[in-house]
Amino acid sequence: MNATFQEMKNNLMRDYMIRRYQKIVKGEVLIEERAIESLTRMKFQVANSWRIIIKRALDISVSLLGLIACSPVMALVALAVKLDSRGPILYSQERVGQKGRTFRIYKFRTMRLDAELKSGPVWAVDNDPRVTAVGHFLRVTHLDELPQFFNVLKGEMSLVGPRPERPHFVKELKKHIPNYDMRLYAKPGVTGLAQIRQRYDNSIEDVRRKVRYDVLYIKKMCPLLDVKVIALTALTVILRTGR
């Protein structure tokens, strides 16, 4: 009985090794490799899910604290914008977000009401004549971006991520910059690795350099990196070294 059982076991093992060898010769994926690949993918998804949950919790908590702490400043800024020039206090514009979905971004208005009436969509430049006196101060101090906390709370943006671009520019930049779509894998950010490392976009080459930083951020995205970027952003605002 034992001899018969052992012979059956040896036959099954031999058949298994023959089939395994045949699959290797044909270049087929072995069942063990499929299992390891599935387990690795599962571990990555679980780890990535926790990062997303922590990132969202950080977004909500910091945005709420920011709105509460900055509410007196935002009231003064709103008054200054209203007294400085004709037009609405807040500036709303369509931007491209995660996975290509569009949303309305909110900022304090820094330009004249008719800024793009004749020119159409154009990049901002140094000493832009369209910028109002109060608007120039708001841009230097980045106070114009405080209303974006509402975009973060709505889930349209994150505190840290690629800069949200206008649909017109996204359509054009896709034609000239490889992997530009990779920026859309993550939610756009109020600040980001590219924003603190590079100046305003004045050319295709400026955007190309920023895309490299955006892709690097997305590959290494984690709550610790977000905290580091937020701290560096605060430092650049205080020292006025950011653009």
C-alpha atoms as a PDB file:
ATOM      1  CA  MET A   1       0.000   0.000   0.000  1.00  0.00           C
ATOM      2  CA  ASN A   2       2.752   2.417   1.004  1.00  0.00           C
ATOM      3  CA  ALA A   3       4.787   1.473  -2.079  1.00  0.00           C
ATOM      4  CA  THR A   4       1.791   2.092  -4.361  1.00  0.00           C
ATOM      5  CA  PHE A   5       1.103   5.483  -2.733  1.00  0.00           C
ATOM      6  CA  GLN A   6       4.776   6.457  -3.059  1.00  0.00           C
ATOM      7  CA  GLU A   7       4.786   5.468  -6.737  1.00  0.00           C
ATOM      8  CA  MET A   8       1.668   7.599  -7.380  1.00  0.00           C
ATOM      9  CA  LYS A   9       3.310  10.512  -5.599  1.00  0.00           C
ATOM     10  CA  ASN A  10       6.476  10.160  -7.693  1.00  0.00           C
ATOM     11  CA  ASN A  11       4.441   9.997 -10.909  1.00  0.00           C
ATOM     12  CA  LEU A  12       2.503  13.152 -10.018  1.00  0.00           C
ATOM     13  CA  MET A  13       5.722  14.965  -9.134  1.00  0.00           C
ATOM     14  CA  ARG A  14       7.307  13.876 -12.414  1.00  0.00           C
ATOM     15  CA  ASP A  15       4.287  15.019 -14.418  1.00  0.00           C
ATOM     16  CA  TYR A  16       4.311  18.357 -12.570  1.00  0.00           C
ATOM     17  CA  MET A  17       8.001  18.936 -13.293  1.00  0.00           C
ATOM     18  CA  ILE A  18       7.493  18.023 -16.976  1.00  0.00           C
ATOM     19  CA  ARG A  19       4.609  20.493 -17.310  1.00  0.00           C
ATOM     20  CA  ARG A  20       6.641  23.138 -15.468  1.00  0.00           C
ATOM     21  CA  TYR A  21       9.592  22.605 -17.824  1.00  0.00           C
ATOM     22  CA  GLN A  22       7.298  22.826 -20.867  1.00  0.00           C
ATOM     23  CA  LYS A  23       5.838  26.139 -19.641  1.00  0.00           C
ATOM     24  CA  ILE A  24       9.315  27.561 -19.030  1.00  0.00           C
ATOM     25  CA  VAL A  25      10.398  26.564 -22.544  1.00  0.00           C
ATOM     26  CA  LYS A  26       7.261  28.193 -24.035  1.00  0.00           C
ATOM     27  CA  GLY A  27       7.791  31.332 -21.961  1.00  0.00           C
ATOM     28  CA  GLU A  28       4.503  30.957 -20.100  1.00  0.00           C
ATOM     29  CA  VAL A  29       3.979  32.475 -16.647  1.00  0.00           C
ATOM     30  CA  LEU A  30       4.155  29.883 -13.891  1.00  0.00           C
ATOM     31  CA  ILE A  31       1.354  29.625 -11.348  1.00  0.00           C
ATOM     32  CA  GLU A  32       3.794  30.483  -8.538  1.00  0.00           C
ATOM     33  CA  GLU A  33       4.789  33.681 -10.324  1.00  0.00           C
ATOM     34  CA  ARG A  34       1.128  34.585 -10.814  1.00  0.00           C
ATOM     35  CA  ALA A  35       0.504  34.080  -7.096  1.00  0.00           C
ATOM     36  CA  ILE A  36       3.510  36.217  -6.125  1.00  0.00           C
ATOM     37  CA  GLU A  37       2.475  38.931  -8.610  1.00  0.00           C
ATOM     38  CA  SER A  38      -1.101  38.954  -7.272  1.00  0.00           C
ATOM     39  CA  LEU A  39       0.121  39.130  -3.677  1.00  0.00           C
ATOM     40  CA  THR A  40       2.529  41.968  -4.511  1.00  0.00           C
ATOM     41  CA  ARG A  41      -0.227  43.906  -6.299  1.00  0.00           C
ATOM     42  CA  MET A  42      -2.553  43.379  -3.336  1.00  0.00           C
ATOM     43  CA  LYS A  43       0.071  44.640  -0.880  1.00  0.00           C
ATOM     44  CA  PHE A  44       0.696  47.720  -3.079  1.00  0.00           C
ATOM     45  CA  GLN A  45      -3.030  48.486  -3.291  1.00  0.00           C
ATOM     46  CA  VAL A  46      -3.461  48.179   0.483  1.00  0.00           C
ATOM     47  CA  ALA A  47      -0.408  50.386   1.139  1.00  0.00           C
ATOM     48  CA  ASN A  48      -1.539  52.909  -1.472  1.00  0.00           C
ATOM     49  CA  SER A  49      -5.075  52.961  -0.019  1.00  0.00           C
ATOM     50  CA  TRP A  50      -3.739  53.817   3.425  1.00  0.00           C
ATOM     51  CA  ARG A  51      -1.580  56.587   1.946  1.00  0.00           C
ATOM     52  CA  ILE A  52      -4.618  58.046   0.201  1.00  0.00           C
ATOM     53  CA  ILE A  53      -6.682  57.899   3.411  1.00  0.00           C
ATOM     54  CA  ILE A  54      -3.946  59.599   5.445  1.00  0.00           C
ATOM     55  CA  LYS A  55      -3.397  62.184   2.693  1.00  0.00           C
ATOM     56  CA  ARG A  56      -7.113  63.018   2.609  1.00  0.00           C
ATOM     57  CA  ALA A  57      -7.248  63.297   6.406  1.00  0.00           C
ATOM     58  CA  LEU A  58      -4.264  65.672   6.290  1.00  0.00           C
ATOM     59  CA  ASP A  59      -5.964  67.723   3.556  1.00  0.00           C
ATOM     60  CA  ILE A  60      -9.194  68.119   5.521  1.00  0.00           C
ATOM     61  CA  SER A  61      -7.598  68.884   8.893  1.00  0.00           C
ATOM     62  CA  VAL A  62      -5.063  71.431   7.587  1.00  0.00           C
ATOM     63  CA  SER A  63      -7.633  73.116   5.334  1.00  0.00           C
ATOM     64  CA  LEU A  64     -10.134  73.522   8.173  1.00  0.00           C
ATOM     65  CA  LEU A  65      -7.450  74.885  10.500  1.00  0.00           C
ATOM     66  CA  GLY A  66      -6.202  77.159   7.713  1.00  0.00           C
ATOM     67  CA  LEU A  67      -9.658  78.599   7.037  1.00  0.00           C
ATOM     68  CA  ILE A  68     -10.298  79.212  10.750  1.00  0.00           C
ATOM     69  CA  ALA A  69      -6.873  80.750  11.400  1.00  0.00           C
ATOM     70  CA  CYS A  70      -6.868  82.851   8.229  1.00  0.00           C
ATOM     71  CA  SER A  71     -10.496  84.039   8.323  1.00  0.00           C
ATOM     72  CA  PRO A  72      -9.576  87.557   9.642  1.00  0.00           C
ATOM     73  CA  VAL A  73      -6.875  87.869   6.968  1.00  0.00           C
ATOM     74  CA  MET A  74      -9.276  86.673   4.269  1.00  0.00           C
ATOM     75  CA  ALA A  75     -11.833  89.292   5.340  1.00  0.00           C
ATOM     76  CA  LEU A  76      -9.199  92.056   5.034  1.00  0.00           C
ATOM     77  CA  VAL A  77      -8.035  90.745   1.661  1.00  0.00           C
ATOM     78  CA  ALA A  78     -11.624  90.664   0.385  1.00  0.00           C
ATOM     79  CA  LEU A  79     -12.109  94.290   1.448  1.00  0.00           C
ATOM     80  CA  ALA A  80      -8.826  95.364  -0.173  1.00  0.00           C
ATOM     81  CA  VAL A  81      -9.686  93.643  -3.483  1.00  0.00           C
ATOM     82  CA  LYS A  82     -13.126  95.280  -3.525  1.00  0.00           C
ATOM     83  CA  LEU A  83     -11.753  98.766  -2.853  1.00  0.00           C
ATOM     84  CA  ASP A  84      -8.801  98.439  -5.240  1.00  0.00           C
ATOM     85  CA  SER A  85     -10.555  97.742  -8.535  1.00  0.00           C
ATOM     86  CA  ARG A  86     -13.875  97.052 -10.210  1.00  0.00           C
ATOM     87  CA  GLY A  87     -15.042  93.453 -10.303  1.00  0.00           C
ATOM     88  CA  PRO A  88     -15.797  90.451  -8.079  1.00  0.00           C
ATOM     89  CA  ILE A  89     -13.724  89.624  -5.009  1.00  0.00           C
ATOM     90  CA  LEU A  90     -13.219  85.991  -5.938  1.00  0.00           C
ATOM     91  CA  TYR A  91     -11.878  84.756  -9.237  1.00  0.00           C
ATOM     92  CA  SER A  92     -13.271  81.481 -10.580  1.00  0.00           C
ATOM     93  CA  GLN A  93     -11.792  79.560 -13.512  1.00  0.00           C
ATOM     94  CA  GLU A  94     -12.095  76.092 -15.033  1.00  0.00           C
ATOM     95  CA  ARG A  95      -9.105  73.839 -14.380  1.00  0.00           C
ATOM     96  CA  VAL A  96      -8.220  70.224 -15.165  1.00  0.00           C
ATOM     97  CA  GLY A  97      -8.055  67.915 -12.162  1.00  0.00           C
ATOM     98  CA  GLN A  98      -7.387  64.251 -11.425  1.00  0.00           C
ATOM     99  CA  LYS A  99      -8.051  61.871 -14.356  1.00  0.00           C
ATOM    100  CA  GLY A 100      -8.859  64.830 -16.595  1.00  0.00           C
ATOM    101  CA  ARG A 101     -11.986  65.880 -14.706  1.00  0.00           C
ATOM    102  CA  THR A 102     -12.584  69.632 -14.788  1.00  0.00           C
ATOM    103  CA  PHE A 103     -13.577  71.792 -11.811  1.00  0.00           C
ATOM    104  CA  ARG A 104     -13.829  75.454 -10.835  1.00  0.00           C
ATOM    105  CA  ILE A 105     -10.869  76.802  -8.899  1.00  0.00           C
ATOM    106  CA  TYR A 106     -11.284  79.792  -6.550  1.00  0.00           C
ATOM    107  CA  LYS A 107      -8.778  82.541  -5.813  1.00  0.00           C
ATOM    108  CA  PHE A 108      -8.878  86.157  -4.742  1.00  0.00           C
ATOM    109  CA  ARG A 109      -8.937  88.234  -7.907  1.00  0.00           C
ATOM    110  CA  THR A 110      -5.528  89.728  -8.725  1.00  0.00           C
ATOM    111  CA  MET A 111      -6.128  91.003 -12.285  1.00  0.00           C
ATOM    112  CA  ARG A 112      -8.318  93.548 -13.994  1.00  0.00           C
ATOM    113  CA  LEU A 113     -11.801  92.371 -14.869  1.00  0.00           C
ATOM    114  CA  ASP A 114     -11.037  92.455 -18.622  1.00  0.00           C
ATOM    115  CA  ALA A 115      -7.574  90.861 -18.315  1.00  0.00           C
ATOM    116  CA  GLU A 116      -8.010  88.361 -21.169  1.00  0.00           C
ATOM    117  CA  LEU A 117     -10.784  90.032 -23.117  1.00  0.00           C
ATOM    118  CA  LYS A 118      -8.578  90.702 -26.164  1.00  0.00           C
ATOM    119  CA  SER A 119      -5.662  88.296 -25.703  1.00  0.00           C
ATOM    120  CA  GLY A 120      -7.509  85.109 -24.753  1.00  0.00           C
ATOM    121  CA  PRO A 121      -5.788  82.532 -22.489  1.00  0.00           C
ATOM    122  CA  VAL A 122      -2.124  83.485 -21.931  1.00  0.00           C
ATOM    123  CA  TRP A 123       0.533  82.647 -19.351  1.00  0.00           C
ATOM    124  CA  ALA A 124       1.265  85.054 -16.520  1.00  0.00           C
ATOM    125  CA  VAL A 125       4.554  86.945 -16.846  1.00  0.00           C
ATOM    126  CA  ASP A 126       6.824  88.979 -14.582  1.00  0.00           C
ATOM    127  CA  ASN A 127       5.537  92.529 -14.048  1.00  0.00           C
ATOM    128  CA  ASP A 128       2.264  91.570 -15.730  1.00  0.00           C
ATOM    129  CA  PRO A 129       0.425  94.828 -16.566  1.00  0.00           C
ATOM    130  CA  ARG A 130      -2.920  93.096 -16.053  1.00  0.00           C
ATOM    131  CA  VAL A 131      -2.241  92.645 -12.318  1.00  0.00           C
ATOM    132  CA  THR A 132      -3.740  95.216  -9.951  1.00  0.00           C
ATOM    133  CA  ALA A 133      -1.785  96.933  -7.149  1.00  0.00           C
ATOM    134  CA  VAL A 134      -3.423  94.792  -4.459  1.00  0.00           C
ATOM    135  CA  GLY A 135      -3.140  91.776  -6.746  1.00  0.00           C
ATOM    136  CA  HIS A 136       0.633  92.155  -6.960  1.00  0.00           C
ATOM    137  CA  PHE A 137       0.886  92.034  -3.157  1.00  0.00           C
ATOM    138  CA  LEU A 138      -1.436  89.031  -2.978  1.00  0.00           C
ATOM    139  CA  ARG A 139       0.657  87.132  -5.529  1.00  0.00           C
ATOM    140  CA  VAL A 140       3.945  87.867  -3.796  1.00  0.00           C
ATOM    141  CA  THR A 141       2.537  86.688  -0.457  1.00  0.00           C
ATOM    142  CA  HIS A 142       0.405  83.892  -2.036  1.00  0.00           C
ATOM    143  CA  LEU A 143      -2.623  85.175  -0.117  1.00  0.00           C
ATOM    144  CA  ASP A 144      -4.647  84.998  -3.322  1.00  0.00           C
ATOM    145  CA  GLU A 145      -4.615  81.199  -3.030  1.00  0.00           C
ATOM    146  CA  LEU A 146      -6.324  80.962   0.379  1.00  0.00           C
ATOM    147  CA  PRO A 147      -9.820  80.287  -1.106  1.00  0.00           C
ATOM    148  CA  GLN A 148      -8.426  77.076  -2.602  1.00  0.00           C
ATOM    149  CA  PHE A 149      -8.875  75.535   0.845  1.00  0.00           C
ATOM    150  CA  PHE A 150     -12.552  75.242  -0.178  1.00  0.00           C
ATOM    151  CA  ASN A 151     -11.506  73.272  -3.288  1.00  0.00           C
ATOM    152  CA  VAL A 152      -9.501  70.961  -1.028  1.00  0.00           C
ATOM    153  CA  LEU A 153     -12.451  70.396   1.327  1.00  0.00           C
ATOM    154  CA  LYS A 154     -14.666  69.581  -1.679  1.00  0.00           C
ATOM    155  CA  GLY A 155     -12.157  66.911  -2.721  1.00  0.00           C
ATOM    156  CA  GLU A 156     -11.308  68.596  -6.032  1.00  0.00           C
ATOM    157  CA  MET A 157      -7.774  69.428  -4.928  1.00  0.00           C
ATOM    158  CA  SER A 158      -5.185  68.325  -2.410  1.00  0.00           C
ATOM    159  CA  LEU A 159      -2.855  70.483  -0.352  1.00  0.00           C
ATOM    160  CA  VAL A 160       0.093  69.044  -2.292  1.00  0.00           C
ATOM    161  CA  GLY A 161       0.094  67.962  -5.919  1.00  0.00           C
ATOM    162  CA  PRO A 162       0.693  69.132  -9.481  1.00  0.00           C
ATOM    163  CA  ARG A 163      -0.465  72.642 -10.348  1.00  0.00           C
ATOM    164  CA  PRO A 164      -4.012  72.581 -11.818  1.00  0.00           C
ATOM    165  CA  GLU A 165      -3.807  73.805 -15.405  1.00  0.00           C
ATOM    166  CA  ARG A 166      -6.438  75.296 -17.710  1.00  0.00           C
ATOM    167  CA  PRO A 167      -8.030  72.988 -20.332  1.00  0.00           C
ATOM    168  CA  HIS A 168      -6.708  75.149 -23.179  1.00  0.00           C
ATOM    169  CA  PHE A 169      -3.109  74.742 -22.043  1.00  0.00           C
ATOM    170  CA  VAL A 170      -3.492  71.035 -21.176  1.00  0.00           C
ATOM    171  CA  LYS A 171      -4.668  70.319 -24.708  1.00  0.00           C
ATOM    172  CA  GLU A 172      -1.686  72.165 -26.202  1.00  0.00           C
ATOM    173  CA  LEU A 173       0.972  70.879 -23.783  1.00  0.00           C
ATOM    174  CA  LYS A 174       0.015  67.244 -24.406  1.00  0.00           C
ATOM    175  CA  LYS A 175       1.225  67.712 -27.978  1.00  0.00           C
ATOM    176  CA  HIS A 176       4.692  68.906 -26.963  1.00  0.00           C
ATOM    177  CA  ILE A 177       5.581  67.201 -23.674  1.00  0.00           C
ATOM    178  CA  PRO A 178       5.868  63.386 -23.326  1.00  0.00           C
ATOM    179  CA  ASN A 179       4.168  61.883 -20.253  1.00  0.00           C
ATOM    180  CA  TYR A 180       2.271  65.120 -19.588  1.00  0.00           C
ATOM    181  CA  ASP A 181      -0.819  63.020 -18.807  1.00  0.00           C
ATOM    182  CA  MET A 182       1.017  61.494 -15.822  1.00  0.00           C
ATOM    183  CA  ARG A 183       0.375  64.767 -13.962  1.00  0.00           C
ATOM    184  CA  LEU A 184      -3.304  63.854 -13.963  1.00  0.00           C
ATOM    185  CA  TYR A 185      -2.771  60.660 -11.936  1.00  0.00           C
ATOM    186  CA  ALA A 186      -2.945  62.684  -8.708  1.00  0.00           C
ATOM    187  CA  LYS A 187      -5.218  65.450  -7.483  1.00  0.00           C
ATOM    188  CA  PRO A 188      -3.879  68.928  -8.253  1.00  0.00           C
ATOM    189  CA  GLY A 189      -2.405  70.779  -5.301  1.00  0.00           C
ATOM    190  CA  VAL A 190      -2.498  74.209  -3.691  1.00  0.00           C
ATOM    191  CA  THR A 191       1.258  73.792  -3.580  1.00  0.00           C
ATOM    192  CA  GLY A 192       3.612  71.123  -4.855  1.00  0.00           C
ATOM    193  CA  LEU A 193       7.161  69.981  -5.404  1.00  0.00           C
ATOM    194  CA  ALA A 194       7.263  71.653  -8.837  1.00  0.00           C
ATOM    195  CA  GLN A 195       5.798  74.914  -7.519  1.00  0.00           C
ATOM    196  CA  ILE A 196       8.474  75.379  -4.858  1.00  0.00           C
ATOM    197  CA  ARG A 197      11.306  74.350  -7.189  1.00  0.00           C
ATOM    198  CA  GLN A 198      10.378  76.233 -10.345  1.00  0.00           C
ATOM    199  CA  ARG A 199       9.186  79.699 -11.401  1.00  0.00           C
ATOM    200  CA  TYR A 200       5.904  80.605 -13.108  1.00  0.00           C
ATOM    201  CA  ASP A 201       5.359  78.966 -16.496  1.00  0.00           C
ATOM    202  CA  ASN A 202       6.535  81.330 -19.224  1.00  0.00           C
ATOM    203  CA  SER A 203       7.461  78.736 -21.860  1.00  0.00           C
ATOM    204  CA  ILE A 204       7.180  75.092 -22.871  1.00  0.00           C
ATOM    205  CA  GLU A 205      10.598  74.448 -21.333  1.00  0.00           C
ATOM    206  CA  ASP A 206       9.401  75.801 -17.956  1.00  0.00           C
ATOM    207  CA  VAL A 207       6.476  73.354 -18.057  1.00  0.00           C
ATOM    208  CA  ARG A 208       8.764  70.519 -19.146  1.00  0.00           C
ATOM    209  CA  ARG A 209      10.938  71.034 -16.051  1.00  0.00           C
ATOM    210  CA  LYS A 210       7.860  71.176 -13.806  1.00  0.00           C
ATOM    211  CA  VAL A 211       6.469  67.956 -15.271  1.00  0.00           C
ATOM    212  CA  ARG A 212       9.660  66.164 -14.196  1.00  0.00           C
ATOM    213  CA  TYR A 213       9.084  67.293 -10.606  1.00  0.00           C
ATOM    214  CA  ASP A 214       5.372  66.391 -10.806  1.00  0.00           C
ATOM    215  CA  VAL A 215       6.155  62.865 -12.014  1.00  0.00           C
ATOM    216  CA  LEU A 216       8.804  62.494  -9.292  1.00  0.00           C
ATOM    217  CA  TYR A 217       6.264  63.559  -6.650  1.00  0.00           C
ATOM    218  CA  ILE A 218       3.608  61.128  -7.906  1.00  0.00           C
ATOM    219  CA  LYS A 219       6.084  58.227  -7.839  1.00  0.00           C
ATOM    220  CA  LYS A 220       7.165  59.020  -4.262  1.00  0.00           C
ATOM    221  CA  MET A 221       3.812  60.357  -2.995  1.00  0.00           C
ATOM    222  CA  CYS A 222       3.322  59.803   0.733  1.00  0.00           C
ATOM    223  CA  PRO A 223       2.083  61.835   3.747  1.00  0.00           C
ATOM    224  CA  LEU A 224       5.659  62.469   4.956  1.00  0.00           C
ATOM    225  CA  LEU A 225       6.581  64.049   1.609  1.00  0.00           C
ATOM    226  CA  ASP A 226       3.411  66.179   1.774  1.00  0.00           C
ATOM    227  CA  VAL A 227       4.397  67.497   5.202  1.00  0.00           C
ATOM    228  CA  LYS A 228       7.880  68.328   3.885  1.00  0.00           C
ATOM    229  CA  VAL A 229       6.476  70.206   0.868  1.00  0.00           C
ATOM    230  CA  ILE A 230       4.005  72.129   3.072  1.00  0.00           C
ATOM    231  CA  ALA A 231       6.865  73.136   5.406  1.00  0.00           C
ATOM    232  CA  LEU A 232       9.025  74.258   2.464  1.00  0.00           C
ATOM    233  CA  THR A 233       6.086  76.212   1.056  1.00  0.00           C
ATOM    234  CA  ALA A 234       5.611  78.032   4.363  1.00  0.00           C
ATOM    235  CA  LEU A 235       9.330  78.844   4.377  1.00  0.00           C
ATOM    236  CA  THR A 236       9.281  80.240   0.834  1.00  0.00           C
ATOM    237  CA  VAL A 237       6.238  82.384   1.677  1.00  0.00           C
ATOM    238  CA  ILE A 238       7.903  83.784   4.810  1.00  0.00           C
ATOM    239  CA  LEU A 239      11.195  84.454   3.019  1.00  0.00           C
ATOM    240  CA  ARG A 240       9.414  85.473  -0.191  1.00  0.00           C
ATOM    241  CA  THR A 241      11.693  83.242  -2.242  1.00  0.00           C
ATOM    242  CA  GLY A 242       8.896  81.382  -4.034  1.00  0.00           C
ATOM    243  CA  ARG A 243       7.433  82.199  -7.446  1.00  0.00           C
END
